[in-house]
Amino acid sequence: MELMPGEQRELDSLRWHWGEVYRFSFDGEYWHADRRAGGGRMSAYSPERLRLMVRADYLRQADARRRLQLATGSGNEG
């Protein structure tokens, strides 16, 4: 599917900022982000909404990793 220039810019921006953690796509109606590690898909009607969802998901995942490290004592080797 060929994207309009504005849609392509939005997709490029999402990939630039979050592409190491998420795979992004646009199907003509919905914007999608698939978490590369651990699965999980988010979908939104707009790239702005998806960006907010990705940011919240990323922070939740980072917080869960920190809690796991604290609980297991890993990551404290100095």
C-alpha atoms as a PDB file:
ATOM      1  CA  MET A   1       0.000   0.000   0.000  1.00  0.00           C
ATOM      2  CA  GLU A   2       1.362   3.390  -0.954  1.00  0.00           C
ATOM      3  CA  LEU A   3       1.237   6.016   1.766  1.00  0.00           C
ATOM      4  CA  MET A   4       0.464   9.694   1.343  1.00  0.00           C
ATOM      5  CA  PRO A   5       3.472  11.961   2.051  1.00  0.00           C
ATOM      6  CA  GLY A   6       2.151  13.031   5.469  1.00  0.00           C
ATOM      7  CA  GLU A   7       1.449   9.435   6.453  1.00  0.00           C
ATOM      8  CA  GLN A   8       4.937   8.407   5.368  1.00  0.00           C
ATOM      9  CA  ARG A   9       6.468  11.208   7.467  1.00  0.00           C
ATOM     10  CA  GLU A  10       4.487  10.054  10.509  1.00  0.00           C
ATOM     11  CA  LEU A  11       5.562   6.444   9.988  1.00  0.00           C
ATOM     12  CA  ASP A  12       9.195   7.486   9.499  1.00  0.00           C
ATOM     13  CA  SER A  13       9.066   9.540  12.695  1.00  0.00           C
ATOM     14  CA  LEU A  14       7.663   6.649  14.732  1.00  0.00           C
ATOM     15  CA  ARG A  15      10.324   4.332  13.329  1.00  0.00           C
ATOM     16  CA  TRP A  16      13.095   6.845  13.993  1.00  0.00           C
ATOM     17  CA  HIS A  17      12.166   7.304  17.652  1.00  0.00           C
ATOM     18  CA  TRP A  18      10.885   3.849  18.581  1.00  0.00           C
ATOM     19  CA  GLY A  19      11.960   1.488  15.795  1.00  0.00           C
ATOM     20  CA  GLU A  20      14.434  -0.491  17.885  1.00  0.00           C
ATOM     21  CA  VAL A  21      11.657  -1.581  20.240  1.00  0.00           C
ATOM     22  CA  TYR A  22       8.552  -1.640  18.005  1.00  0.00           C
ATOM     23  CA  ARG A  23       7.633  -2.513  14.421  1.00  0.00           C
ATOM     24  CA  PHE A  24       5.253   0.061  12.931  1.00  0.00           C
ATOM     25  CA  SER A  25       2.749  -0.178  10.118  1.00  0.00           C
ATOM     26  CA  PHE A  26      -0.271   1.617   8.700  1.00  0.00           C
ATOM     27  CA  ASP A  27      -3.005  -0.291   6.886  1.00  0.00           C
ATOM     28  CA  GLY A  28      -4.862   2.705   5.510  1.00  0.00           C
ATOM     29  CA  GLU A  29      -7.174   2.921   8.502  1.00  0.00           C
ATOM     30  CA  TYR A  30      -5.239   1.963  11.633  1.00  0.00           C
ATOM     31  CA  TRP A  31      -1.696   2.628  12.795  1.00  0.00           C
ATOM     32  CA  HIS A  32      -0.041  -0.383  14.453  1.00  0.00           C
ATOM     33  CA  ALA A  33       2.917  -0.944  16.762  1.00  0.00           C
ATOM     34  CA  ASP A  34       4.136  -4.476  17.448  1.00  0.00           C
ATOM     35  CA  ARG A  35       6.547  -4.916  20.339  1.00  0.00           C
ATOM     36  CA  ARG A  36       9.678  -6.659  19.033  1.00  0.00           C
ATOM     37  CA  ALA A  37      10.431  -8.459  22.308  1.00  0.00           C
ATOM     38  CA  GLY A  38       7.623 -10.136  24.144  1.00  0.00           C
ATOM     39  CA  GLY A  39       4.935  -9.590  21.561  1.00  0.00           C
ATOM     40  CA  GLY A  40       1.942  -7.360  21.949  1.00  0.00           C
ATOM     41  CA  ARG A  41       0.189  -5.145  19.429  1.00  0.00           C
ATOM     42  CA  MET A  42      -1.260  -1.688  19.824  1.00  0.00           C
ATOM     43  CA  SER A  43      -3.508  -0.049  17.259  1.00  0.00           C
ATOM     44  CA  ALA A  44      -4.858   3.489  16.967  1.00  0.00           C
ATOM     45  CA  TYR A  45      -6.752   5.683  14.513  1.00  0.00           C
ATOM     46  CA  SER A  46      -3.996   8.310  14.470  1.00  0.00           C
ATOM     47  CA  PRO A  47      -0.207   8.369  14.711  1.00  0.00           C
ATOM     48  CA  GLU A  48      -0.442  10.846  17.581  1.00  0.00           C
ATOM     49  CA  ARG A  49      -2.577   8.452  19.615  1.00  0.00           C
ATOM     50  CA  LEU A  50      -0.285   5.536  18.768  1.00  0.00           C
ATOM     51  CA  ARG A  51       2.743   7.571  19.867  1.00  0.00           C
ATOM     52  CA  LEU A  52       1.097   8.152  23.266  1.00  0.00           C
ATOM     53  CA  MET A  53       0.268   4.458  23.567  1.00  0.00           C
ATOM     54  CA  VAL A  54       3.832   3.454  22.638  1.00  0.00           C
ATOM     55  CA  ARG A  55       5.322   5.860  25.160  1.00  0.00           C
ATOM     56  CA  ALA A  56       3.078   4.526  27.947  1.00  0.00           C
ATOM     57  CA  ASP A  57       3.831   0.912  26.982  1.00  0.00           C
ATOM     58  CA  TYR A  58       7.563   1.576  26.881  1.00  0.00           C
ATOM     59  CA  LEU A  59       7.511   3.145  30.344  1.00  0.00           C
ATOM     60  CA  ARG A  60       5.454   0.225  31.725  1.00  0.00           C
ATOM     61  CA  GLN A  61       7.927  -2.259  30.276  1.00  0.00           C
ATOM     62  CA  ALA A  62      10.910  -0.342  31.680  1.00  0.00           C
ATOM     63  CA  ASP A  63       9.256  -0.192  35.108  1.00  0.00           C
ATOM     64  CA  ALA A  64       8.547  -3.943  35.022  1.00  0.00           C
ATOM     65  CA  ARG A  65      12.207  -4.635  34.122  1.00  0.00           C
ATOM     66  CA  ARG A  66      13.390  -2.468  37.043  1.00  0.00           C
ATOM     67  CA  ARG A  67      11.075  -4.243  39.485  1.00  0.00           C
ATOM     68  CA  LEU A  68      12.296  -7.632  38.275  1.00  0.00           C
ATOM     69  CA  GLN A  69      15.923  -6.553  38.665  1.00  0.00           C
ATOM     70  CA  LEU A  70      15.251  -5.348  42.206  1.00  0.00           C
ATOM     71  CA  ALA A  71      13.375  -8.536  43.123  1.00  0.00           C
ATOM     72  CA  THR A  72      16.075 -10.847  41.763  1.00  0.00           C
ATOM     73  CA  GLY A  73      19.073  -8.715  42.701  1.00  0.00           C
ATOM     74  CA  SER A  74      20.261  -8.715  39.086  1.00  0.00           C
ATOM     75  CA  GLY A  75      21.733  -5.603  37.583  1.00  0.00           C
ATOM     76  CA  ASN A  76      23.319  -4.556  40.898  1.00  0.00           C
ATOM     77  CA  GLU A  77      26.828  -5.820  40.174  1.00  0.00           C
ATOM     78  CA  GLY A  78      28.228  -2.314  40.214  1.00  0.00           C
END
